[in-house]
């Protein structure tokens, strides 16, 4: 099933969209080795420690890049989500340009209540932005569309790198 905007895309962009939609998972061979990294991220969020959250996020993304043979991406963790009449921005992916490293920006606090984002929400946002990186750098897609396949790839990563006991409780 294509999302509503699919019909407005050019034929070329529709082909990219369909290709993206057809890829529903990302398989990690060393997923269990990443459990301690997601545990560290959960602890850093619980402690509301921005430096530790940044360090844990960067370590996790570095290991994911290595595991999937993707070029490096750097994570920047900022304090409070930006917001406007359109809502809150949860994350942002900026592809690498002219020899620079790709950048993922995420925010650790909600815009309105300034509460630390829940572990599952934070990690899913981080993985969402990482999936844009994968689309460009590993899957070699010309564009990174929000397709059903994209969301399934994000979910497949989440379920592989988070201990089953922590998938529902944090």
Protein backbone atom coordinates (compact mmCIF):
# COMPACT_ATOMS: atom_id res chain seq x y z
CA UNK A 1 0.00 0.00 0.00
CA UNK A 2 1.44 3.38 -0.99
CA UNK A 3 0.88 6.50 1.07
CA UNK A 4 -1.30 9.24 -0.44
CA UNK A 5 1.57 11.39 -1.73
CA UNK A 6 2.78 8.51 -3.96
CA UNK A 7 0.39 9.56 -6.76
CA UNK A 8 1.99 13.01 -6.90
CA UNK A 9 5.49 11.61 -7.49
CA UNK A 10 7.09 11.37 -10.93
CA UNK A 11 7.41 7.89 -12.43
CA UNK A 12 11.10 7.84 -11.54
CA UNK A 13 10.41 8.78 -7.91
CA UNK A 14 7.56 6.24 -7.77
CA UNK A 15 10.07 3.55 -8.77
CA UNK A 16 12.37 4.61 -5.92
CA UNK A 17 9.39 4.58 -3.56
CA UNK A 18 8.40 1.04 -4.63
CA UNK A 19 11.97 -0.18 -4.24
CA UNK A 20 12.08 1.26 -0.72
CA UNK A 21 8.68 -0.19 0.16
CA UNK A 22 9.81 -3.67 -0.89
CA UNK A 23 12.73 -3.76 1.57
CA UNK A 24 11.11 -4.65 4.88
CA UNK A 25 13.99 -5.55 7.18
CA UNK A 26 17.62 -5.00 7.98
CA UNK A 27 19.39 -8.06 9.35
CA UNK A 28 22.18 -7.71 11.86
CA UNK A 29 24.52 -10.66 12.42
CA UNK A 30 25.74 -9.30 15.76
CA UNK A 31 22.51 -7.88 17.20
CA UNK A 32 22.91 -9.34 20.70
CA UNK A 33 26.26 -7.58 21.02
CA UNK A 34 24.34 -4.31 20.82
CA UNK A 35 22.14 -5.05 23.87
CA UNK A 36 24.60 -3.41 26.29
CA UNK A 37 24.65 -0.29 24.09
CA UNK A 38 20.88 0.07 24.17
CA UNK A 39 20.93 -0.65 27.91
CA UNK A 40 23.46 2.20 28.33
CA UNK A 41 21.22 4.52 26.34
CA UNK A 42 18.21 3.61 28.50
CA UNK A 43 20.24 4.32 31.66
CA UNK A 44 21.51 7.65 30.33
CA UNK A 45 17.96 8.73 29.51
CA UNK A 46 16.75 7.65 32.95
CA UNK A 47 19.55 9.75 34.49
CA UNK A 48 18.64 12.69 32.22
CA UNK A 49 22.35 13.05 31.41
CA UNK A 50 22.72 14.77 28.02
CA UNK A 51 26.43 14.00 27.74
CA UNK A 52 25.87 10.31 28.50
CA UNK A 53 22.90 10.19 26.10
CA UNK A 54 25.06 11.69 23.36
CA UNK A 55 27.91 9.28 24.05
CA UNK A 56 25.59 6.24 24.13
CA UNK A 57 23.78 7.34 20.95
CA UNK A 58 27.04 7.87 19.07
CA UNK A 59 28.43 4.54 20.24
CA UNK A 60 25.28 2.71 19.10
CA UNK A 61 25.17 4.41 15.69
CA UNK A 62 28.91 3.78 15.18
CA UNK A 63 28.42 0.07 15.87
CA UNK A 64 25.37 -0.08 13.58
CA UNK A 65 27.34 1.60 10.79
CA UNK A 66 30.19 -0.86 11.25
CA UNK A 67 27.85 -3.85 11.35
CA UNK A 68 26.02 -2.79 8.18
CA UNK A 69 29.15 -1.53 6.41
CA UNK A 70 27.80 1.99 6.19
CA UNK A 71 29.94 5.12 6.22
CA UNK A 72 30.02 6.75 9.66
CA UNK A 73 27.30 9.05 10.93
CA UNK A 74 27.61 11.41 13.88
CA UNK A 75 24.82 11.94 16.41
CA UNK A 76 24.11 15.30 18.00
CA UNK A 77 21.79 15.26 21.02
CA UNK A 78 20.17 18.60 21.78
CA UNK A 79 18.16 19.56 24.84
CA UNK A 80 14.60 20.46 23.79
CA UNK A 81 12.68 19.66 20.63
CA UNK A 82 11.92 22.64 18.40
CA UNK A 83 8.23 23.26 17.82
CA UNK A 84 5.90 25.55 15.97
CA UNK A 85 2.29 25.46 14.77
CA UNK A 86 3.22 22.38 12.68
CA UNK A 87 4.18 20.37 15.79
CA UNK A 88 7.46 19.13 17.26
CA UNK A 89 10.55 18.03 15.38
CA UNK A 90 11.74 14.70 16.79
CA UNK A 91 14.83 14.06 14.68
CA UNK A 92 16.74 15.25 11.65
CA UNK A 93 19.05 13.50 9.19
CA UNK A 94 21.59 15.47 7.18
CA UNK A 95 23.41 13.44 4.50
CA UNK A 96 27.17 13.74 4.16
CA UNK A 97 28.29 16.50 1.81
CA UNK A 98 31.75 17.14 0.32
CA UNK A 99 33.71 14.71 2.47
CA UNK A 100 31.81 15.55 5.65
CA UNK A 101 30.24 12.95 7.93
CA UNK A 102 26.45 12.50 7.86
CA UNK A 103 24.70 13.96 10.89
CA UNK A 104 21.76 12.74 12.93
CA UNK A 105 20.20 15.24 15.33
CA UNK A 106 17.79 14.14 18.05
CA UNK A 107 16.31 15.95 21.03
CA UNK A 108 16.16 14.52 24.54
CA UNK A 109 13.26 16.60 25.90
CA UNK A 110 9.75 17.30 24.66
CA UNK A 111 9.01 20.84 23.53
CA UNK A 112 5.99 21.67 25.67
CA UNK A 113 6.50 19.85 28.96
CA UNK A 114 10.30 19.68 28.70
CA UNK A 115 10.20 16.07 29.91
CA UNK A 116 12.91 13.59 28.92
CA UNK A 117 11.72 11.52 26.01
CA UNK A 118 10.88 7.90 26.86
CA UNK A 119 13.54 5.33 25.94
CA UNK A 120 11.45 3.57 23.27
CA UNK A 121 10.49 6.86 21.64
CA UNK A 122 14.03 8.22 21.72
CA UNK A 123 15.55 5.02 20.32
CA UNK A 124 12.91 4.71 17.59
CA UNK A 125 13.59 8.32 16.57
CA UNK A 126 17.34 7.64 16.51
CA UNK A 127 16.78 4.49 14.41
CA UNK A 128 14.38 6.35 12.12
CA UNK A 129 17.07 8.89 11.28
CA UNK A 130 19.64 6.10 10.95
CA UNK A 131 17.34 4.38 8.41
CA UNK A 132 17.57 7.50 6.24
CA UNK A 133 21.36 7.04 6.39
CA UNK A 134 20.98 3.39 5.37
CA UNK A 135 18.67 4.31 2.50
CA UNK A 136 21.27 6.60 0.98
CA UNK A 137 24.51 4.88 1.94
CA UNK A 138 23.77 1.13 1.98
CA UNK A 139 20.63 0.66 -0.12
CA UNK A 140 21.83 3.36 -2.55
CA UNK A 141 18.37 4.89 -2.91
CA UNK A 142 18.32 8.31 -4.56
CA UNK A 143 15.70 9.46 -2.05
CA UNK A 144 14.66 8.25 1.37
CA UNK A 145 10.88 8.08 1.41
CA UNK A 146 8.71 7.26 4.40
CA UNK A 147 7.30 4.03 2.97
CA UNK A 148 5.84 1.05 4.79
CA UNK A 149 9.13 -0.71 4.08
CA UNK A 150 11.04 2.18 5.68
CA UNK A 151 9.01 1.89 8.90
CA UNK A 152 9.40 -1.90 8.87
CA UNK A 153 13.19 -1.52 8.53
CA UNK A 154 13.19 0.81 11.53
CA UNK A 155 11.10 -1.66 13.52
CA UNK A 156 13.28 -4.61 12.52
CA UNK A 157 16.34 -2.83 13.88
CA UNK A 158 14.57 -1.92 17.12
CA UNK A 159 13.44 -5.49 17.78
CA UNK A 160 16.93 -6.85 17.11
CA UNK A 161 18.91 -4.50 19.35
CA UNK A 162 16.62 -4.18 22.38
CA UNK A 163 16.27 -7.02 24.86
CA UNK A 164 12.78 -8.50 24.68
CA UNK A 165 12.14 -7.63 28.33
CA UNK A 166 12.90 -3.95 27.61
CA UNK A 167 10.81 -3.66 24.45
CA UNK A 168 7.58 -3.11 26.38
CA UNK A 169 8.66 -1.78 29.74
CA UNK A 170 10.78 1.29 29.00
